[in-house]
Amino acid sequence: MWSVLWAAVRSKAPYVTFPVAFVVGLVGYHLERLLRGDPPPTAEEEKSISEQREDRKLQEIAGEDLTKVVSLKDKLEFAPRAVLNRNRPEKS
C-alpha cells in the first residue's frame, strides 16, 4: 500500500509544488516591497536605454549650430593616408 501511495505522490508532485512555490514567491515579493517601501517607478525609470541615449544626445546638440560641418574634402580620416594620397596632389 505504501508503494502505491508514494507512486501517487511522486506523479502528482509537480501539480502540488508549483502552486505552493507560486504562493510563497508572491507573498515574499509583496512582503519585501512592503518592507522596503520603494516608491512606484517614475517616468524616467520606465524609459528604455535607447530612449535615454536619444534624450542625452538631443540635450548635447541643443546648443550647437548644426549648419557648420567639416567639408568632406578636408575630412580624410575614414581611410588610410597611403591609399588616398597615391593619386591626389599635395595641398598647398
N, C-alpha and C. Protein backbone atom coordinates (compact mmCIF):
# COMPACT_ATOMS: atom_id res chain seq x y z
N MET A 1 0.81 -1.19 0.00
CA MET A 1 0.00 0.00 0.00
C MET A 1 0.86 1.26 0.00
N TRP A 2 1.99 1.19 0.75
CA TRP A 2 2.86 2.37 0.79
C TRP A 2 3.47 2.66 -0.58
N SER A 3 3.79 1.66 -1.31
CA SER A 3 4.38 1.88 -2.64
C SER A 3 3.39 2.57 -3.58
N VAL A 4 2.12 2.24 -3.48
CA VAL A 4 1.11 2.88 -4.30
C VAL A 4 0.94 4.34 -3.89
N LEU A 5 0.97 4.59 -2.60
CA LEU A 5 0.85 5.96 -2.09
C LEU A 5 2.03 6.82 -2.54
N TRP A 6 3.26 6.27 -2.43
CA TRP A 6 4.44 7.03 -2.84
C TRP A 6 4.46 7.24 -4.35
N ALA A 7 4.01 6.30 -5.11
CA ALA A 7 3.93 6.46 -6.57
C ALA A 7 2.94 7.56 -6.94
N ALA A 8 1.83 7.63 -6.23
CA ALA A 8 0.84 8.68 -6.50
C ALA A 8 1.40 10.05 -6.11
N VAL A 9 2.08 10.13 -4.97
CA VAL A 9 2.67 11.41 -4.53
C VAL A 9 3.74 11.85 -5.51
N ARG A 10 4.56 10.90 -5.99
CA ARG A 10 5.64 11.22 -6.92
C ARG A 10 5.08 11.71 -8.25
N SER A 11 4.02 11.13 -8.72
CA SER A 11 3.47 11.52 -10.01
C SER A 11 2.71 12.85 -9.94
N LYS A 12 2.14 13.17 -8.78
CA LYS A 12 1.38 14.41 -8.63
C LYS A 12 2.21 15.55 -8.02
N ALA A 13 3.49 15.34 -7.76
CA ALA A 13 4.33 16.35 -7.11
C ALA A 13 4.38 17.67 -7.88
N PRO A 14 4.54 17.67 -9.21
CA PRO A 14 4.56 18.97 -9.91
C PRO A 14 3.27 19.76 -9.77
N TYR A 15 2.16 19.07 -9.69
CA TYR A 15 0.87 19.75 -9.57
C TYR A 15 0.68 20.36 -8.20
N VAL A 16 1.39 19.84 -7.21
CA VAL A 16 1.30 20.38 -5.85
C VAL A 16 2.40 21.41 -5.62
N THR A 17 3.58 21.14 -6.14
CA THR A 17 4.74 22.01 -5.89
C THR A 17 4.59 23.37 -6.56
N PHE A 18 4.13 23.43 -7.79
CA PHE A 18 4.04 24.70 -8.49
C PHE A 18 3.12 25.71 -7.80
N PRO A 19 1.91 25.36 -7.43
CA PRO A 19 1.08 26.35 -6.74
C PRO A 19 1.66 26.79 -5.40
N VAL A 20 2.26 25.87 -4.67
CA VAL A 20 2.88 26.24 -3.39
C VAL A 20 4.03 27.22 -3.63
N ALA A 21 4.89 26.93 -4.60
CA ALA A 21 6.01 27.82 -4.91
C ALA A 21 5.51 29.17 -5.41
N PHE A 22 4.45 29.17 -6.18
CA PHE A 22 3.89 30.42 -6.69
C PHE A 22 3.38 31.30 -5.54
N VAL A 23 2.67 30.71 -4.61
CA VAL A 23 2.12 31.47 -3.47
C VAL A 23 3.25 31.97 -2.59
N VAL A 24 4.25 31.14 -2.33
CA VAL A 24 5.38 31.57 -1.50
C VAL A 24 6.12 32.73 -2.18
N GLY A 25 6.33 32.64 -3.47
CA GLY A 25 7.01 33.71 -4.19
C GLY A 25 6.20 35.00 -4.21
N LEU A 26 4.91 34.88 -4.40
CA LEU A 26 4.05 36.06 -4.43
C LEU A 26 4.02 36.75 -3.07
N VAL A 27 3.88 35.98 -2.02
CA VAL A 27 3.87 36.56 -0.66
C VAL A 27 5.23 37.20 -0.36
N GLY A 28 6.32 36.53 -0.72
CA GLY A 28 7.65 37.08 -0.47
C GLY A 28 7.90 38.36 -1.25
N TYR A 29 7.44 38.41 -2.48
CA TYR A 29 7.61 39.61 -3.30
C TYR A 29 6.89 40.80 -2.68
N HIS A 30 5.64 40.61 -2.29
CA HIS A 30 4.87 41.71 -1.71
C HIS A 30 5.38 42.08 -0.32
N LEU A 31 5.84 41.12 0.44
CA LEU A 31 6.39 41.41 1.76
C LEU A 31 7.67 42.22 1.64
N GLU A 32 8.54 41.87 0.71
CA GLU A 32 9.78 42.62 0.51
C GLU A 32 9.48 44.04 0.03
N ARG A 33 8.53 44.18 -0.88
CA ARG A 33 8.16 45.51 -1.37
C ARG A 33 7.57 46.36 -0.25
N LEU A 34 6.79 45.73 0.64
CA LEU A 34 6.20 46.45 1.77
C LEU A 34 7.28 46.88 2.75
N LEU A 35 8.24 46.02 3.03
CA LEU A 35 9.30 46.35 3.98
C LEU A 35 10.27 47.38 3.42
N ARG A 36 10.57 47.31 2.14
CA ARG A 36 11.48 48.28 1.54
C ARG A 36 10.84 49.65 1.40
N GLY A 37 9.60 49.68 1.06
CA GLY A 37 8.91 50.95 0.87
C GLY A 37 9.32 51.66 -0.40
N ASP A 38 9.61 50.93 -1.45
CA ASP A 38 10.01 51.55 -2.71
C ASP A 38 8.86 52.37 -3.28
N PRO A 39 9.14 53.55 -3.75
CA PRO A 39 8.10 54.32 -4.43
C PRO A 39 7.83 53.70 -5.80
N PRO A 40 6.67 53.96 -6.36
CA PRO A 40 6.39 53.44 -7.70
C PRO A 40 7.38 54.03 -8.71
N PRO A 41 7.69 53.30 -9.76
CA PRO A 41 8.68 53.79 -10.73
C PRO A 41 8.21 55.07 -11.41
N THR A 42 9.15 55.99 -11.58
CA THR A 42 8.83 57.25 -12.24
C THR A 42 8.91 57.08 -13.75
N ALA A 43 8.53 58.11 -14.47
CA ALA A 43 8.55 58.04 -15.93
C ALA A 43 9.98 57.90 -16.44
N GLU A 44 10.97 58.47 -15.75
CA GLU A 44 12.37 58.37 -16.17
C GLU A 44 12.87 56.94 -16.07
N GLU A 45 12.45 56.21 -15.05
CA GLU A 45 12.89 54.83 -14.88
C GLU A 45 12.22 53.90 -15.88
N GLU A 46 11.09 54.28 -16.41
CA GLU A 46 10.38 53.43 -17.34
C GLU A 46 10.92 53.54 -18.76
N LYS A 47 11.76 54.55 -19.03
CA LYS A 47 12.33 54.71 -20.36
C LYS A 47 13.37 53.63 -20.61
N SER A 48 13.43 53.18 -21.85
CA SER A 48 14.43 52.18 -22.20
C SER A 48 15.80 52.85 -22.34
N ILE A 49 16.82 52.03 -22.44
CA ILE A 49 18.19 52.54 -22.56
C ILE A 49 18.34 53.34 -23.85
N SER A 50 17.75 52.87 -24.93
CA SER A 50 17.88 53.59 -26.19
C SER A 50 17.17 54.95 -26.13
N GLU A 51 16.04 55.02 -25.46
CA GLU A 51 15.34 56.30 -25.31
C GLU A 51 16.16 57.27 -24.45
N GLN A 52 16.76 56.77 -23.40
CA GLN A 52 17.61 57.63 -22.57
C GLN A 52 18.80 58.13 -23.35
N ARG A 53 19.39 57.28 -24.19
CA ARG A 53 20.54 57.68 -25.01
C ARG A 53 20.13 58.75 -26.01
N GLU A 54 18.96 58.59 -26.64
CA GLU A 54 18.49 59.59 -27.60
C GLU A 54 18.23 60.93 -26.91
N ASP A 55 17.64 60.90 -25.72
CA ASP A 55 17.40 62.14 -24.98
C ASP A 55 18.71 62.84 -24.63
N ARG A 56 19.71 62.06 -24.22
CA ARG A 56 21.00 62.64 -23.87
C ARG A 56 21.67 63.27 -25.08
N LYS A 57 21.59 62.60 -26.24
CA LYS A 57 22.19 63.15 -27.46
C LYS A 57 21.48 64.43 -27.89
N LEU A 58 20.16 64.47 -27.74
CA LEU A 58 19.42 65.69 -28.08
C LEU A 58 19.80 66.84 -27.17
N GLN A 59 20.02 66.57 -25.90
CA GLN A 59 20.44 67.62 -24.97
C GLN A 59 21.85 68.11 -25.29
N GLU A 60 22.73 67.20 -25.75
CA GLU A 60 24.10 67.60 -26.08
C GLU A 60 24.15 68.50 -27.30
N ILE A 61 23.30 68.25 -28.29
CA ILE A 61 23.36 69.04 -29.51
C ILE A 61 22.38 70.22 -29.50
N ALA A 62 21.71 70.45 -28.39
CA ALA A 62 20.70 71.51 -28.35
C ALA A 62 21.30 72.88 -28.58
N GLY A 63 22.49 73.17 -28.06
CA GLY A 63 23.08 74.49 -28.18
C GLY A 63 24.02 74.65 -29.35
N GLU A 64 24.25 73.62 -30.13
CA GLU A 64 25.22 73.69 -31.23
C GLU A 64 24.57 74.17 -32.53
N ASP A 65 25.40 74.78 -33.37
CA ASP A 65 24.94 75.18 -34.69
C ASP A 65 25.18 74.01 -35.64
N LEU A 66 24.14 73.38 -36.10
CA LEU A 66 24.25 72.18 -36.90
C LEU A 66 24.53 72.46 -38.38
N THR A 67 24.56 73.73 -38.77
CA THR A 67 24.84 74.06 -40.17
C THR A 67 26.34 74.11 -40.44
N LYS A 68 27.15 74.20 -39.42
CA LYS A 68 28.61 74.25 -39.60
C LYS A 68 29.17 72.83 -39.49
N VAL A 69 29.53 72.29 -40.65
CA VAL A 69 30.10 70.95 -40.69
C VAL A 69 31.42 70.99 -41.43
N VAL A 70 32.25 70.01 -41.21
CA VAL A 70 33.55 69.91 -41.87
C VAL A 70 33.34 69.40 -43.29
N SER A 71 34.04 69.98 -44.23
CA SER A 71 33.94 69.57 -45.62
C SER A 71 34.51 68.15 -45.77
N LEU A 72 33.89 67.38 -46.64
CA LEU A 72 34.37 66.02 -46.87
C LEU A 72 35.73 66.01 -47.55
N LYS A 73 36.07 67.07 -48.27
CA LYS A 73 37.39 67.16 -48.88
C LYS A 73 38.48 67.27 -47.82
N ASP A 74 38.15 67.95 -46.72
CA ASP A 74 39.12 68.12 -45.64
C ASP A 74 39.13 66.95 -44.67
N LYS A 75 38.11 66.18 -44.68
CA LYS A 75 37.97 65.09 -43.72
C LYS A 75 38.34 63.76 -44.40
N LEU A 76 39.54 63.27 -44.12
CA LEU A 76 40.02 62.06 -44.77
C LEU A 76 40.37 60.98 -43.75
N GLU A 77 39.82 61.00 -42.55
CA GLU A 77 40.17 60.04 -41.52
C GLU A 77 39.53 58.68 -41.75
N PHE A 78 38.64 58.57 -42.70
CA PHE A 78 37.92 57.32 -42.89
C PHE A 78 38.72 56.28 -43.66
N ALA A 79 39.86 56.63 -44.23
CA ALA A 79 40.67 55.66 -44.97
C ALA A 79 42.15 55.95 -44.71
N PRO A 80 43.02 54.97 -44.92
CA PRO A 80 44.45 55.17 -44.71
C PRO A 80 45.02 56.23 -45.65
N ARG A 81 46.01 56.94 -45.18
CA ARG A 81 46.61 58.01 -45.98
C ARG A 81 47.28 57.48 -47.23
N ALA A 82 47.92 56.32 -47.15
CA ALA A 82 48.65 55.80 -48.30
C ALA A 82 47.72 55.55 -49.48
N VAL A 83 46.54 55.11 -49.23
CA VAL A 83 45.60 54.82 -50.32
C VAL A 83 45.08 56.11 -50.93
N LEU A 84 44.73 57.07 -50.10
CA LEU A 84 44.13 58.29 -50.63
C LEU A 84 45.14 59.25 -51.22
N ASN A 85 46.35 59.25 -50.76
CA ASN A 85 47.34 60.20 -51.26
C ASN A 85 48.09 59.68 -52.48
N ARG A 86 47.78 58.52 -52.95
CA ARG A 86 48.51 57.96 -54.09
C ARG A 86 48.29 58.80 -55.34
N ASN A 87 47.04 59.16 -55.63
CA ASN A 87 46.74 59.90 -56.87
C ASN A 87 46.29 61.31 -56.58
N ARG A 88 46.45 61.78 -55.39
CA ARG A 88 45.95 63.10 -55.01
C ARG A 88 47.12 64.07 -54.87
N PRO A 89 47.04 65.22 -55.49
CA PRO A 89 48.15 66.19 -55.34
C PRO A 89 48.19 66.73 -53.91
N GLU A 90 49.36 67.11 -53.48
CA GLU A 90 49.54 67.65 -52.13
C GLU A 90 48.83 68.98 -51.99
N LYS A 91 48.31 69.25 -50.81
CA LYS A 91 47.67 70.54 -50.54
C LYS A 91 48.74 71.60 -50.37
N SER A 92 48.41 72.80 -50.77
CA SER A 92 49.36 73.88 -50.61
C SER A 92 49.10 74.65 -49.34
